[in-house]
């Protein structure tokens, strides 16, 4: 093979690998972008509101950055065992008044389900662990997270789920395939179901389409040119 051909082949290889899927360092992950992907409003008509906000470990790690004190490091290590779901529900009257559900009702009806890429579903179990660190985090973050939702944030209910299975493996990995299903019921008994697909786009360095536009992590082909994207 001629020298020029070898150089060309090497450059092509380097370019392809440079634009393949690459995880972002958590310090560079935008929590705003993550919130946009993990906050979902259920399709429930004009007389009801159900909003879900899933908070994985990566949200806390990206929020905290590099912890300087041992206590914060210990807290982040603890959070690896759990995943959080915020839920707010309300019936809406004809005059636009919100009647928010109490915490007991929200907890009773909410379900968090992991769905693998092949369609297998696993219902996560709400945690029964009496973990002081987790409760401290919820108490500290509740005003901040609730404030992000305005008035309805005051009725946001946080549910903590165990994120480790019997073998110690993580149950919900936002870098994986499939996604999660979020379920609840209205006061009329209507089942509501929403979903968040994986992997989360915000966790990856964007690949570039030939026209310079960012490619979503789930895309196999560039929608503008039809060309295959590196994986």
Protein backbone atom coordinates (compact mmCIF):
# COMPACT_ATOMS: atom_id res chain seq x y z
CA UNK A 1 0.00 0.00 0.00
CA UNK A 2 1.32 3.44 -0.89
CA UNK A 3 2.33 5.79 1.92
CA UNK A 4 -0.42 8.30 1.02
CA UNK A 5 -3.03 5.54 1.16
CA UNK A 6 -1.80 4.47 4.61
CA UNK A 7 -2.02 8.05 5.90
CA UNK A 8 -5.51 8.44 4.44
CA UNK A 9 -6.65 5.18 6.04
CA UNK A 10 -5.23 6.24 9.40
CA UNK A 11 -6.98 9.63 9.24
CA UNK A 12 -10.30 8.00 8.41
CA UNK A 13 -9.87 5.62 11.34
CA UNK A 14 -9.01 8.48 13.71
CA UNK A 15 -11.98 10.55 12.53
CA UNK A 16 -14.41 7.67 12.92
CA UNK A 17 -13.23 6.84 16.42
CA UNK A 18 -13.30 10.51 17.41
CA UNK A 19 -17.00 10.77 16.61
CA UNK A 20 -18.07 7.41 18.02
CA UNK A 21 -20.20 7.27 21.15
CA UNK A 22 -18.24 8.73 24.04
CA UNK A 23 -19.45 9.24 27.59
CA UNK A 24 -19.17 12.73 29.03
CA UNK A 25 -17.34 13.19 32.32
CA UNK A 26 -20.09 13.77 34.88
CA UNK A 27 -18.57 17.16 35.67
CA UNK A 28 -19.49 18.22 32.12
CA UNK A 29 -23.06 16.88 32.18
CA UNK A 30 -25.70 19.60 32.29
CA UNK A 31 -28.28 18.96 35.01
CA UNK A 32 -30.67 21.19 33.03
CA UNK A 33 -30.34 18.90 30.01
CA UNK A 34 -30.77 15.86 32.24
CA UNK A 35 -33.89 17.35 33.79
CA UNK A 36 -35.35 17.89 30.32
CA UNK A 37 -34.91 14.18 29.64
CA UNK A 38 -36.02 12.84 33.02
CA UNK A 39 -39.00 15.09 33.75
CA UNK A 40 -42.19 13.81 32.09
CA UNK A 41 -45.82 14.94 32.13
CA UNK A 42 -48.28 12.09 31.67
CA UNK A 43 -50.87 12.30 28.90
CA UNK A 44 -53.99 12.63 31.06
CA UNK A 45 -56.25 15.25 29.48
CA UNK A 46 -57.19 18.72 30.65
CA UNK A 47 -58.72 17.69 33.99
CA UNK A 48 -55.66 16.07 35.53
CA UNK A 49 -51.91 16.57 35.96
CA UNK A 50 -49.28 13.97 36.76
CA UNK A 51 -45.64 14.98 36.55
CA UNK A 52 -42.75 12.57 37.09
CA UNK A 53 -39.16 13.54 37.80
CA UNK A 54 -36.68 10.67 37.85
CA UNK A 55 -33.39 11.48 39.61
CA UNK A 56 -30.62 8.93 38.98
CA UNK A 57 -27.26 8.87 40.73
CA UNK A 58 -25.74 10.77 37.80
CA UNK A 59 -27.94 13.78 38.61
CA UNK A 60 -26.48 14.10 42.09
CA UNK A 61 -22.91 13.48 40.93
CA UNK A 62 -23.22 16.10 38.20
CA UNK A 63 -24.77 18.56 40.67
CA UNK A 64 -22.10 18.15 43.34
CA UNK A 65 -19.06 17.96 41.07
CA UNK A 66 -15.85 16.92 42.80
CA UNK A 67 -16.66 16.75 46.54
CA UNK A 68 -14.04 18.38 48.72
CA UNK A 69 -15.15 17.04 52.08
CA UNK A 70 -15.38 13.41 53.27
CA UNK A 71 -19.06 13.76 54.22
CA UNK A 72 -20.12 14.60 50.66
CA UNK A 73 -18.01 11.77 49.27
CA UNK A 74 -19.69 9.36 51.68
CA UNK A 75 -23.11 10.67 50.67
CA UNK A 76 -22.42 10.13 46.95
CA UNK A 77 -21.27 6.59 47.66
CA UNK A 78 -24.50 5.95 49.56
CA UNK A 79 -26.61 7.31 46.71
CA UNK A 80 -25.26 4.67 44.34
CA UNK A 81 -27.59 2.18 46.06
CA UNK A 82 -30.76 4.20 45.36
CA UNK A 83 -32.74 5.93 42.66
CA UNK A 84 -35.31 8.66 43.25
CA UNK A 85 -38.68 9.45 41.72
CA UNK A 86 -40.49 12.71 42.32
CA UNK A 87 -44.24 12.68 41.60
CA UNK A 88 -46.85 15.41 41.76
CA UNK A 89 -50.51 14.75 40.94
CA UNK A 90 -53.58 16.96 40.86
CA UNK A 91 -57.12 17.00 39.53
CA UNK A 92 -57.97 20.22 37.70
CA UNK A 93 -61.40 21.78 37.96
CA UNK A 94 -63.23 23.46 35.09
CA UNK A 95 -62.18 26.81 36.55
CA UNK A 96 -58.51 25.78 36.58
CA UNK A 97 -58.11 25.09 40.30
CA UNK A 98 -55.59 22.36 41.18
CA UNK A 99 -56.58 19.81 43.82
CA UNK A 100 -53.25 18.16 44.70
CA UNK A 101 -53.07 14.56 45.91
CA UNK A 102 -51.71 13.83 49.36
CA UNK A 103 -48.44 11.97 49.83
CA UNK A 104 -50.04 8.68 50.87
CA UNK A 105 -52.16 8.55 47.71
CA UNK A 106 -49.24 9.36 45.44
CA UNK A 107 -47.03 6.71 47.03
CA UNK A 108 -49.74 4.06 46.87
CA UNK A 109 -50.26 4.43 43.13
CA UNK A 110 -46.78 5.21 41.79
CA UNK A 111 -44.67 2.49 40.17
CA UNK A 112 -41.19 2.59 38.67
CA UNK A 113 -40.49 -0.16 36.13
CA UNK A 114 -37.24 -0.98 34.37
CA UNK A 115 -37.68 -2.18 30.81
CA UNK A 116 -34.70 -3.84 29.13
CA UNK A 117 -33.93 -3.55 25.46
CA UNK A 118 -35.63 -6.90 24.80
CA UNK A 119 -38.82 -5.82 26.58
CA UNK A 120 -38.30 -7.54 29.95
CA UNK A 121 -39.92 -5.56 32.77
CA UNK A 122 -38.74 -5.35 36.37
CA UNK A 123 -40.76 -3.48 38.99
CA UNK A 124 -38.49 -1.69 41.44
CA UNK A 125 -39.19 -1.93 45.16
CA UNK A 126 -39.53 1.24 47.26
CA UNK A 127 -36.70 1.28 49.75
CA UNK A 128 -37.39 0.36 53.36
CA UNK A 129 -33.86 1.24 54.45
CA UNK A 130 -33.70 3.77 57.26
CA UNK A 131 -30.75 5.62 55.78
CA UNK A 132 -29.93 8.88 57.51
CA UNK A 133 -27.79 10.18 54.63
CA UNK A 134 -30.57 9.68 52.08
CA UNK A 135 -33.13 11.40 54.31
CA UNK A 136 -30.75 14.31 54.89
CA UNK A 137 -30.33 14.68 51.15
CA UNK A 138 -34.08 14.69 50.55
CA UNK A 139 -34.62 17.26 53.31
CA UNK A 140 -31.84 19.48 51.94
CA UNK A 141 -32.80 19.22 48.28
CA UNK A 142 -36.60 19.31 48.64
CA UNK A 143 -36.84 23.15 48.70
CA UNK A 144 -34.49 23.44 45.71
CA UNK A 145 -36.12 20.75 43.59
CA UNK A 146 -39.62 21.79 44.60
CA UNK A 147 -38.79 25.40 43.79
CA UNK A 148 -37.90 24.40 40.24
CA UNK A 149 -41.54 23.40 39.73
CA UNK A 150 -43.13 26.58 41.06
CA UNK A 151 -46.29 26.32 43.18
CA UNK A 152 -46.90 22.66 42.40
CA UNK A 153 -43.43 21.87 43.74
CA UNK A 154 -44.86 22.12 47.25
CA UNK A 155 -46.83 18.93 46.53
CA UNK A 156 -43.91 17.02 45.02
CA UNK A 157 -43.56 13.60 46.66
CA UNK A 158 -40.16 11.89 46.65
CA UNK A 159 -40.07 8.10 46.54
CA UNK A 160 -36.77 6.29 47.11
CA UNK A 161 -36.21 2.95 45.35
CA UNK A 162 -33.51 0.34 45.85
CA UNK A 163 -31.31 0.43 42.74
CA UNK A 164 -29.33 -2.73 43.46
CA UNK A 165 -30.62 -6.23 42.79
CA UNK A 166 -29.97 -9.33 44.93
CA UNK A 167 -26.56 -9.71 43.29
CA UNK A 168 -25.55 -6.10 43.91
CA UNK A 169 -25.91 -5.08 40.26
CA UNK A 170 -27.47 -1.78 39.29
CA UNK A 171 -31.08 -2.10 38.16
CA UNK A 172 -31.51 1.20 36.28
CA UNK A 173 -28.55 2.26 34.18
CA UNK A 174 -29.17 5.42 32.12
CA UNK A 175 -26.26 4.45 29.87
CA UNK A 176 -28.01 1.17 28.98
CA UNK A 177 -30.74 0.25 26.55
CA UNK A 178 -34.50 0.10 26.92
CA UNK A 179 -35.69 2.63 29.47
CA UNK A 180 -38.05 3.06 32.39
CA UNK A 181 -41.85 3.08 32.63
CA UNK A 182 -43.57 5.38 35.11
CA UNK A 183 -47.06 4.52 36.31
CA UNK A 184 -49.71 6.10 38.52
CA UNK A 185 -53.50 6.33 38.80
CA UNK A 186 -55.94 9.22 38.88
CA UNK A 187 -58.61 9.58 41.55
CA UNK A 188 -61.02 8.08 39.00
CA UNK A 189 -58.88 4.96 38.74
CA UNK A 190 -57.45 5.72 35.29
CA UNK A 191 -54.01 4.15 34.84
CA UNK A 192 -51.40 6.59 33.55
CA UNK A 193 -48.21 5.38 31.91
CA UNK A 194 -45.23 7.37 30.70
CA UNK A 195 -41.72 6.37 29.70
CA UNK A 196 -38.15 7.63 29.54
CA UNK A 197 -35.97 5.98 26.87
CA UNK A 198 -32.32 5.03 27.39
CA UNK A 199 -29.55 5.88 26.99
CA UNK A 200 -29.89 9.49 28.12
CA UNK A 201 -28.58 11.79 25.44
CA UNK A 202 -27.12 14.29 27.93
CA UNK A 203 -24.60 11.72 29.20
CA UNK A 204 -22.76 11.48 25.87
CA UNK A 205 -20.54 13.75 23.82
CA UNK A 206 -22.67 14.60 20.77
CA UNK A 207 -21.64 12.95 17.52
CA UNK A 208 -21.75 15.16 14.46
CA UNK A 209 -23.76 14.61 11.31
CA UNK A 210 -21.97 15.43 8.04
CA UNK A 211 -23.76 18.79 8.02
CA UNK A 212 -22.31 19.69 11.43
CA UNK A 213 -25.53 19.18 13.41
CA UNK A 214 -25.45 17.26 16.70
CA UNK A 215 -26.72 13.68 16.46
CA UNK A 216 -28.89 12.27 19.23
CA UNK A 217 -27.37 9.28 21.01
CA UNK A 218 -30.23 7.03 19.84
CA UNK A 219 -29.80 7.83 16.15
CA UNK A 220 -28.31 5.21 13.85
CA UNK A 221 -28.45 7.44 10.78
CA UNK A 222 -28.22 11.18 10.21
CA UNK A 223 -31.79 12.39 9.53
CA UNK A 224 -30.55 15.13 7.20
CA UNK A 225 -28.26 13.08 4.98
CA UNK A 226 -29.25 9.47 5.64
CA UNK A 227 -25.63 8.49 6.32
CA UNK A 228 -24.84 5.88 8.99
CA UNK A 229 -23.46 7.27 12.25
CA UNK A 230 -20.52 5.65 14.09
CA UNK A 231 -21.46 3.71 17.22
